[in-house]
Amino acid sequence: MVIIFVYMSYKEKHIKSNVLNEPMVAYVTSGSSNPFYNLLGNSKSVKLSNDFDIIRFAREGFPKRVLLALAKKISLNIQELSNILHISERTLQRYDDDAIIKTEYAEKAVELARLYSRGEDVFGSMDKFKLWVKAPSLVFNGEAPVSMLDTSAGFDMVFKELGRIEHGIFA
């Protein structure tokens, strides 16, 4: 190991006080190893590798086939998906596979992917989380957590409950 000392007098420090000196740092965003990116992307036309890609993706909207692929990965049928997105089943079915869906639906899909990714982390597997999210729970007044996902408050409640489960707080 080599240590280099740089001598700088007191006078030199104050002369250069108007210059901002920052250490060199490489800023790197996380890679596509995040399972959240794999839920939405992982197709030939959609490559997501960081949070900025997700933001851009949600703002621009994305093809219906990406939405349907997400629904398939998280085991939601068309009826459940349309209820969460606030779109009629028929309207959803009318979209061409390559048609870009509205940004409101894209944003909800991103939230859905975030939730299922978080659930997989908490439960240790996607299959266990899928069972939990569709099972009625006293915490949600006897409703399944998936039925709460049609509102942002419902998403918040499910995220909070996942936090409680993760920390062993079951009340």
C-alpha atoms as a PDB file:
ATOM      1  CA  MET A   1       0.000   0.000   0.000  1.00  0.00           C
ATOM      2  CA  VAL A   2       1.315   3.412  -0.905  1.00  0.00           C
ATOM      3  CA  ILE A   3       0.323   6.488   1.057  1.00  0.00           C
ATOM      4  CA  ILE A   4       0.917   9.849  -0.512  1.00  0.00           C
ATOM      5  CA  PHE A   5       0.862  13.016   1.564  1.00  0.00           C
ATOM      6  CA  VAL A   6       0.210  16.308  -0.129  1.00  0.00           C
ATOM      7  CA  TYR A   7       1.593  19.380   1.543  1.00  0.00           C
ATOM      8  CA  MET A   8      -0.540  22.474   1.233  1.00  0.00           C
ATOM      9  CA  SER A   9       0.103  25.611   3.191  1.00  0.00           C
ATOM     10  CA  TYR A  10      -2.577  27.478   5.061  1.00  0.00           C
ATOM     11  CA  LYS A  11      -2.307  30.382   2.632  1.00  0.00           C
ATOM     12  CA  GLU A  12      -2.894  28.173  -0.437  1.00  0.00           C
ATOM     13  CA  LYS A  13      -6.055  26.689   1.090  1.00  0.00           C
ATOM     14  CA  HIS A  14      -7.680  30.078   1.458  1.00  0.00           C
ATOM     15  CA  ILE A  15      -6.669  31.298  -1.981  1.00  0.00           C
ATOM     16  CA  LYS A  16      -8.481  28.400  -3.655  1.00  0.00           C
ATOM     17  CA  SER A  17     -11.571  28.615  -1.415  1.00  0.00           C
ATOM     18  CA  ASN A  18     -13.823  29.607  -4.333  1.00  0.00           C
ATOM     19  CA  VAL A  19     -13.110  26.329  -6.100  1.00  0.00           C
ATOM     20  CA  LEU A  20     -15.222  23.320  -5.254  1.00  0.00           C
ATOM     21  CA  ASN A  21     -13.190  20.158  -4.939  1.00  0.00           C
ATOM     22  CA  GLU A  22     -15.093  16.915  -4.795  1.00  0.00           C
ATOM     23  CA  PRO A  23     -13.629  13.458  -4.732  1.00  0.00           C
ATOM     24  CA  MET A  24     -14.017  11.470  -7.914  1.00  0.00           C
ATOM     25  CA  VAL A  25     -16.894   9.069  -7.548  1.00  0.00           C
ATOM     26  CA  ALA A  26     -18.566   6.748  -9.996  1.00  0.00           C
ATOM     27  CA  TYR A  27     -22.328   6.755  -9.605  1.00  0.00           C
ATOM     28  CA  VAL A  28     -23.870   3.508 -10.734  1.00  0.00           C
ATOM     29  CA  THR A  29     -27.512   2.558 -10.621  1.00  0.00           C
ATOM     30  CA  SER A  30     -28.463  -0.966  -9.691  1.00  0.00           C
ATOM     31  CA  GLY A  31     -28.482  -3.527 -12.450  1.00  0.00           C
ATOM     32  CA  SER A  32     -31.206  -5.766 -13.758  1.00  0.00           C
ATOM     33  CA  SER A  33     -30.623  -8.290 -10.985  1.00  0.00           C
ATOM     34  CA  ASN A  34     -33.576  -6.662  -9.197  1.00  0.00           C
ATOM     35  CA  PRO A  35     -36.580  -9.000  -9.593  1.00  0.00           C
ATOM     36  CA  PHE A  36     -38.838  -5.947  -9.941  1.00  0.00           C
ATOM     37  CA  TYR A  37     -37.244  -5.169 -13.307  1.00  0.00           C
ATOM     38  CA  ASN A  38     -37.744  -8.751 -14.412  1.00  0.00           C
ATOM     39  CA  LEU A  39     -41.481  -8.649 -13.683  1.00  0.00           C
ATOM     40  CA  LEU A  40     -42.058  -5.739 -16.062  1.00  0.00           C
ATOM     41  CA  GLY A  41     -39.296  -6.223 -18.554  1.00  0.00           C
ATOM     42  CA  ASN A  42     -37.428  -9.322 -19.562  1.00  0.00           C
ATOM     43  CA  SER A  43     -38.760  -9.287 -23.107  1.00  0.00           C
ATOM     44  CA  LYS A  44     -36.849  -8.649 -26.309  1.00  0.00           C
ATOM     45  CA  SER A  45     -38.329  -5.182 -26.811  1.00  0.00           C
ATOM     46  CA  VAL A  46     -38.293  -4.039 -23.183  1.00  0.00           C
ATOM     47  CA  LYS A  47     -35.012  -3.750 -21.316  1.00  0.00           C
ATOM     48  CA  LEU A  48     -35.180  -2.284 -17.818  1.00  0.00           C
ATOM     49  CA  SER A  49     -32.010  -1.980 -15.803  1.00  0.00           C
ATOM     50  CA  ASN A  50     -32.605   0.859 -13.337  1.00  0.00           C
ATOM     51  CA  ASP A  51     -35.242   3.051 -11.729  1.00  0.00           C
ATOM     52  CA  PHE A  52     -34.891   5.734 -14.405  1.00  0.00           C
ATOM     53  CA  ASP A  53     -35.875   3.183 -17.045  1.00  0.00           C
ATOM     54  CA  ILE A  54     -38.982   2.347 -14.989  1.00  0.00           C
ATOM     55  CA  ILE A  55     -39.952   6.028 -14.746  1.00  0.00           C
ATOM     56  CA  ARG A  56     -39.488   6.528 -18.477  1.00  0.00           C
ATOM     57  CA  PHE A  57     -41.370   3.301 -19.165  1.00  0.00           C
ATOM     58  CA  ALA A  58     -44.342   4.366 -17.017  1.00  0.00           C
ATOM     59  CA  ARG A  59     -44.458   7.885 -18.477  1.00  0.00           C
ATOM     60  CA  GLU A  60     -44.427   6.678 -22.058  1.00  0.00           C
ATOM     61  CA  GLY A  61     -46.814   3.819 -21.461  1.00  0.00           C
ATOM     62  CA  PHE A  62     -46.056   0.338 -22.710  1.00  0.00           C
ATOM     63  CA  PRO A  63     -47.574  -2.316 -24.962  1.00  0.00           C
ATOM     64  CA  LYS A  64     -50.547  -4.359 -23.816  1.00  0.00           C
ATOM     65  CA  ARG A  65     -48.497  -7.543 -24.188  1.00  0.00           C
ATOM     66  CA  VAL A  66     -46.155  -6.349 -21.396  1.00  0.00           C
ATOM     67  CA  LEU A  67     -49.174  -5.795 -19.150  1.00  0.00           C
ATOM     68  CA  LEU A  68     -50.540  -9.257 -19.952  1.00  0.00           C
ATOM     69  CA  ALA A  69     -47.113 -10.821 -19.383  1.00  0.00           C
ATOM     70  CA  LEU A  70     -46.998  -9.170 -15.945  1.00  0.00           C
ATOM     71  CA  ALA A  71     -50.495 -10.476 -15.157  1.00  0.00           C
ATOM     72  CA  LYS A  72     -49.436 -13.975 -16.159  1.00  0.00           C
ATOM     73  CA  LYS A  73     -46.264 -13.836 -14.023  1.00  0.00           C
ATOM     74  CA  ILE A  74     -48.222 -12.750 -10.960  1.00  0.00           C
ATOM     75  CA  SER A  75     -51.198 -15.076 -11.643  1.00  0.00           C
ATOM     76  CA  LEU A  76     -53.894 -12.450 -12.153  1.00  0.00           C
ATOM     77  CA  ASN A  77     -56.729 -13.121 -14.569  1.00  0.00           C
ATOM     78  CA  ILE A  78     -58.134 -10.459 -16.906  1.00  0.00           C
ATOM     79  CA  GLN A  79     -61.018  -9.675 -14.548  1.00  0.00           C
ATOM     80  CA  GLU A  80     -58.721  -9.088 -11.546  1.00  0.00           C
ATOM     81  CA  LEU A  81     -56.322  -7.025 -13.658  1.00  0.00           C
ATOM     82  CA  SER A  82     -59.099  -4.875 -15.107  1.00  0.00           C
ATOM     83  CA  ASN A  83     -60.513  -4.230 -11.603  1.00  0.00           C
ATOM     84  CA  ILE A  84     -57.116  -3.082 -10.367  1.00  0.00           C
ATOM     85  CA  LEU A  85     -56.546  -0.862 -13.415  1.00  0.00           C
ATOM     86  CA  HIS A  86     -60.094   0.585 -13.424  1.00  0.00           C
ATOM     87  CA  ILE A  87     -60.705  -0.450 -17.013  1.00  0.00           C
ATOM     88  CA  SER A  88     -63.446  -2.681 -18.339  1.00  0.00           C
ATOM     89  CA  GLU A  89     -62.451  -6.171 -19.403  1.00  0.00           C
ATOM     90  CA  ARG A  90     -63.837  -5.528 -22.866  1.00  0.00           C
ATOM     91  CA  THR A  91     -61.809  -2.338 -23.331  1.00  0.00           C
ATOM     92  CA  LEU A  92     -58.675  -4.126 -22.214  1.00  0.00           C
ATOM     93  CA  GLN A  93     -59.368  -6.950 -24.658  1.00  0.00           C
ATOM     94  CA  ARG A  94     -59.893  -4.476 -27.525  1.00  0.00           C
ATOM     95  CA  TYR A  95     -56.347  -3.146 -27.275  1.00  0.00           C
ATOM     96  CA  ASP A  96     -54.002  -4.677 -29.838  1.00  0.00           C
ATOM     97  CA  ASP A  97     -51.069  -6.537 -28.296  1.00  0.00           C
ATOM     98  CA  ASP A  98     -48.646  -3.879 -29.540  1.00  0.00           C
ATOM     99  CA  ALA A  99     -50.901  -0.927 -28.694  1.00  0.00           C
ATOM    100  CA  ILE A 100     -49.477   1.411 -26.055  1.00  0.00           C
ATOM    101  CA  ILE A 101     -51.675   1.520 -22.969  1.00  0.00           C
ATOM    102  CA  LYS A 102     -52.435   4.768 -21.152  1.00  0.00           C
ATOM    103  CA  THR A 103     -49.946   6.061 -18.605  1.00  0.00           C
ATOM    104  CA  GLU A 104     -52.480   5.654 -15.777  1.00  0.00           C
ATOM    105  CA  TYR A 105     -52.587   1.924 -16.449  1.00  0.00           C
ATOM    106  CA  ALA A 106     -48.822   1.761 -16.859  1.00  0.00           C
ATOM    107  CA  GLU A 107     -48.325   3.463 -13.488  1.00  0.00           C
ATOM    108  CA  LYS A 108     -50.670   0.979 -11.791  1.00  0.00           C
ATOM    109  CA  ALA A 109     -48.800  -1.894 -13.453  1.00  0.00           C
ATOM    110  CA  VAL A 110     -45.505  -0.548 -12.118  1.00  0.00           C
ATOM    111  CA  GLU A 111     -47.004  -0.389  -8.608  1.00  0.00           C
ATOM    112  CA  LEU A 112     -48.283  -3.932  -9.019  1.00  0.00           C
ATOM    113  CA  ALA A 113     -44.823  -5.154 -10.025  1.00  0.00           C
ATOM    114  CA  ARG A 114     -43.259  -3.321  -7.054  1.00  0.00           C
ATOM    115  CA  LEU A 115     -45.769  -4.894  -4.675  1.00  0.00           C
ATOM    116  CA  TYR A 116     -45.282  -8.426  -5.976  1.00  0.00           C
ATOM    117  CA  SER A 117     -41.508  -8.015  -5.907  1.00  0.00           C
ATOM    118  CA  ARG A 118     -41.707  -6.834  -2.291  1.00  0.00           C
ATOM    119  CA  GLY A 119     -44.027  -9.708  -1.441  1.00  0.00           C
ATOM    120  CA  GLU A 120     -41.577 -12.180  -2.936  1.00  0.00           C
ATOM    121  CA  ASP A 121     -38.815 -10.694  -0.762  1.00  0.00           C
ATOM    122  CA  VAL A 122     -40.926 -10.920   2.399  1.00  0.00           C
ATOM    123  CA  PHE A 123     -42.317 -14.413   1.816  1.00  0.00           C
ATOM    124  CA  GLY A 124     -39.194 -15.878   0.254  1.00  0.00           C
ATOM    125  CA  SER A 125     -40.947 -17.046  -2.904  1.00  0.00           C
ATOM    126  CA  MET A 126     -43.433 -15.689  -5.407  1.00  0.00           C
ATOM    127  CA  ASP A 127     -45.683 -18.738  -4.999  1.00  0.00           C
ATOM    128  CA  LYS A 128     -46.086 -18.188  -1.237  1.00  0.00           C
ATOM    129  CA  PHE A 129     -46.866 -14.516  -1.794  1.00  0.00           C
ATOM    130  CA  LYS A 130     -49.422 -15.319  -4.508  1.00  0.00           C
ATOM    131  CA  LEU A 131     -51.243 -17.618  -2.075  1.00  0.00           C
ATOM    132  CA  TRP A 132     -51.219 -14.968   0.668  1.00  0.00           C
ATOM    133  CA  VAL A 133     -52.370 -12.117  -1.569  1.00  0.00           C
ATOM    134  CA  LYS A 134     -55.445 -14.072  -2.719  1.00  0.00           C
ATOM    135  CA  ALA A 135     -56.433 -15.448   0.693  1.00  0.00           C
ATOM    136  CA  PRO A 136     -58.978 -13.562   2.834  1.00  0.00           C
ATOM    137  CA  SER A 137     -57.413 -11.890   5.862  1.00  0.00           C
ATOM    138  CA  LEU A 138     -58.791 -10.440   9.086  1.00  0.00           C
ATOM    139  CA  VAL A 139     -56.413  -7.507   8.673  1.00  0.00           C
ATOM    140  CA  PHE A 140     -58.316  -6.513   5.524  1.00  0.00           C
ATOM    141  CA  ASN A 141     -61.800  -7.057   7.045  1.00  0.00           C
ATOM    142  CA  GLY A 142     -62.064 -10.562   5.646  1.00  0.00           C
ATOM    143  CA  GLU A 143     -61.132  -9.545   2.112  1.00  0.00           C
ATOM    144  CA  ALA A 144     -58.165 -10.804   0.138  1.00  0.00           C
ATOM    145  CA  PRO A 145     -55.311  -8.291  -0.163  1.00  0.00           C
ATOM    146  CA  VAL A 146     -55.616  -8.408  -3.976  1.00  0.00           C
ATOM    147  CA  SER A 147     -59.112  -6.936  -3.699  1.00  0.00           C
ATOM    148  CA  MET A 148     -57.646  -3.849  -1.990  1.00  0.00           C
ATOM    149  CA  LEU A 149     -55.369  -3.015  -4.912  1.00  0.00           C
ATOM    150  CA  ASP A 150     -57.927  -0.968  -6.825  1.00  0.00           C
ATOM    151  CA  THR A 151     -56.991   2.112  -4.763  1.00  0.00           C
ATOM    152  CA  SER A 152     -53.723   3.743  -3.771  1.00  0.00           C
ATOM    153  CA  ALA A 153     -54.787   3.490  -0.110  1.00  0.00           C
ATOM    154  CA  GLY A 154     -55.234  -0.259  -0.637  1.00  0.00           C
ATOM    155  CA  PHE A 155     -51.716  -0.536  -2.072  1.00  0.00           C
ATOM    156  CA  ASP A 156     -50.405   1.340   0.978  1.00  0.00           C
ATOM    157  CA  MET A 157     -52.267  -0.988   3.350  1.00  0.00           C
ATOM    158  CA  VAL A 158     -50.830  -4.087   1.670  1.00  0.00           C
ATOM    159  CA  PHE A 159     -47.293  -2.629   1.639  1.00  0.00           C
ATOM    160  CA  LYS A 160     -47.608  -1.781   5.352  1.00  0.00           C
ATOM    161  CA  GLU A 161     -48.868  -5.263   6.163  1.00  0.00           C
ATOM    162  CA  LEU A 162     -45.891  -6.758   4.315  1.00  0.00           C
ATOM    163  CA  GLY A 163     -43.639  -4.610   6.505  1.00  0.00           C
ATOM    164  CA  ARG A 164     -45.371  -5.906   9.631  1.00  0.00           C
ATOM    165  CA  ILE A 165     -45.023  -9.508   8.466  1.00  0.00           C
ATOM    166  CA  GLU A 166     -41.352  -8.948   7.662  1.00  0.00           C
ATOM    167  CA  HIS A 167     -40.723  -7.656  11.192  1.00  0.00           C
ATOM    168  CA  GLY A 168     -42.897 -10.248  12.935  1.00  0.00           C
ATOM    169  CA  ILE A 169     -45.681  -7.868  13.964  1.00  0.00           C
ATOM    170  CA  PHE A 170     -48.962  -9.688  13.404  1.00  0.00           C
ATOM    171  CA  ALA A 171     -51.416  -7.358  15.123  1.00  0.00           C
END
